[in-house]
Protein backbone atom coordinates (compact mmCIF):
# COMPACT_ATOMS: atom_id res chain seq x y z
CA MET A 1 23.36 -20.85 195.60
CA THR A 2 25.00 -23.32 193.26
CA ALA A 3 23.16 -26.37 191.94
CA ALA A 4 25.50 -28.72 193.83
CA ILE A 5 24.74 -27.03 197.17
CA GLN A 6 21.00 -27.03 196.47
CA SER A 7 21.16 -30.69 195.56
CA ALA A 8 23.07 -31.50 198.76
CA GLU A 9 20.54 -29.55 200.85
CA MET A 10 17.66 -31.38 199.20
CA ARG A 11 19.30 -34.73 199.90
CA SER A 12 19.92 -33.84 203.53
CA SER A 13 16.32 -32.66 203.96
CA ARG A 14 14.97 -36.09 203.01
CA SER A 15 13.59 -38.14 205.82
CA PRO A 16 14.64 -41.75 206.41
CA ALA A 17 11.18 -42.77 205.15
CA ASP A 18 11.85 -40.98 201.84
CA PHE A 19 15.15 -42.81 201.45
CA ASP A 20 13.58 -46.13 202.39
CA SER A 21 10.78 -45.61 199.88
CA ALA A 22 13.19 -44.70 197.06
CA ASN A 23 15.49 -47.58 197.96
CA ARG A 24 12.58 -50.02 198.08
CA GLN A 25 11.38 -48.86 194.64
CA ARG A 26 14.87 -49.38 193.21
CA LEU A 27 15.12 -52.84 194.77
CA VAL A 28 11.69 -53.80 193.45
CA LYS A 29 12.68 -52.62 189.99
CA ASP A 30 15.96 -54.59 190.23
CA GLY A 31 14.03 -57.64 191.41
CA GLU A 32 11.58 -57.35 188.53
CA ARG A 33 14.43 -57.13 186.03
CA ARG A 34 16.13 -60.17 187.57
CA LEU A 35 12.87 -62.10 187.32
CA LEU A 36 12.40 -61.11 183.67
CA TRP A 37 16.00 -62.10 182.91
CA ALA A 38 15.47 -65.47 184.61
CA VAL A 39 12.32 -66.06 182.53
CA LEU A 40 14.26 -65.27 179.34
CA GLU A 41 17.16 -67.53 180.35
CA ASP A 42 14.76 -70.37 181.16
CA GLY A 43 13.01 -69.95 177.82
CA ILE A 44 16.30 -70.08 175.91
CA ARG A 45 17.49 -73.08 177.92
CA SER A 46 14.20 -74.91 177.29
CA TYR A 47 14.29 -74.08 173.58
CA LEU A 48 17.82 -75.42 173.20
CA GLU A 49 17.13 -78.45 175.36
CA HIS A 50 13.97 -79.51 173.51
CA LYS A 51 14.97 -78.47 169.99
CA PRO A 52 16.50 -81.81 168.98
CA CYS A 53 13.21 -83.73 169.33
CA ALA A 54 13.88 -87.46 169.51
CA ASN A 55 10.33 -88.61 170.22
CA ARG A 56 6.71 -87.45 170.30
CA LYS A 57 6.88 -86.25 173.94
CA GLU A 58 9.95 -84.10 173.25
CA SER A 59 8.31 -82.81 170.10
CA CYS A 60 5.26 -81.68 172.09
CA GLU A 61 7.48 -80.03 174.70
CA PHE A 62 9.40 -78.19 171.99
CA LEU A 63 6.17 -76.96 170.39
CA GLU A 64 5.07 -75.58 173.75
CA VAL A 65 8.37 -73.74 174.20
CA ARG A 66 8.32 -72.51 170.61
CA ARG A 67 4.85 -70.98 171.12
CA TRP A 68 6.35 -68.70 173.78
CA PHE A 69 8.94 -67.46 171.28
CA GLU A 70 6.49 -67.35 168.36
CA PRO A 71 3.03 -66.69 169.81
CA GLY A 72 1.38 -65.64 166.56
CA GLU A 73 0.15 -62.28 165.36
CA ASP A 74 -3.13 -62.21 167.30
CA ALA A 75 -1.75 -63.48 170.64
CA ALA A 76 -1.79 -61.15 173.63
CA GLN A 77 1.58 -59.71 174.63
CA GLY A 78 1.75 -59.86 178.42
CA PRO A 79 4.65 -58.65 180.59
CA PHE A 80 6.25 -62.11 180.54
CA SER A 81 6.01 -62.64 176.79
CA PHE A 82 9.20 -63.13 174.81
CA GLY A 83 8.74 -59.86 172.91
CA SER A 84 8.01 -57.81 176.03
CA ILE A 85 11.01 -59.17 177.90
CA CYS A 86 13.30 -58.52 174.94
CA ASP A 87 11.97 -54.95 174.76
CA GLN A 88 12.76 -54.45 178.46
CA PHE A 89 16.42 -55.34 177.85
CA GLY A 90 16.82 -53.73 174.44
CA ILE A 91 17.26 -57.10 172.73
CA ASP A 92 16.17 -57.54 169.12
CA ALA A 93 13.67 -60.41 169.56
CA ARG A 94 13.69 -61.34 165.86
CA GLN A 95 17.47 -61.53 165.75
CA LEU A 96 17.61 -63.69 168.90
CA LEU A 97 14.97 -66.02 167.48
CA VAL A 98 16.92 -66.37 164.21
CA ALA A 99 20.04 -67.26 166.23
CA LEU A 100 18.12 -69.85 168.25
CA ARG A 101 16.64 -71.42 165.13
CA SER A 102 20.05 -71.74 163.49
CA PHE A 103 21.86 -73.02 166.60
CA ASP A 104 22.92 -76.64 166.31
CA GLY A 105 23.34 -77.87 169.86
CA HIS A 106 24.84 -81.20 168.82
CA LYS A 107 27.89 -79.51 167.28
CA ALA A 108 28.31 -76.96 170.08
CA ARG A 109 27.91 -79.36 172.97
CA GLY A 110 30.79 -81.65 172.36
CA PRO A 111 31.85 -84.02 175.11
CA GLY A 112 31.02 -82.80 178.58
CA ALA A 113 29.27 -79.52 177.71
CA SER A 114 26.04 -78.88 179.60
CA PRO A 115 22.90 -77.02 178.43
CA GLU A 116 23.48 -74.49 181.24
CA VAL A 117 26.82 -73.52 179.71
CA LEU A 118 25.27 -73.20 176.26
CA ALA A 119 22.41 -71.01 177.45
CA ALA A 120 24.67 -68.72 179.49
């Protein structure tokens, strides 16, 4: 029997519960990745939004955001940490952080540009 026929027989021998379970696992995985991507997008948006600190409150908000990107050597790396999320998507975290640090939002914004467009 060829591999293609065996594979087709194996697929047809699956029960609806098997398919549902596999489909549910895929959807959960997709949902988890969408959540991680949303966390990363929100972090970048917050970084860019709070980077040009005009007052003490904005400065404190920026420091809070920056701690997520630069937690320190001895900080725990949970599943929602910047480094962990970058690893999940194959993004070089150091390179992204360098780009964020060097980004000058005032020049890029121009008239009418929104932070959502810049973070996209």
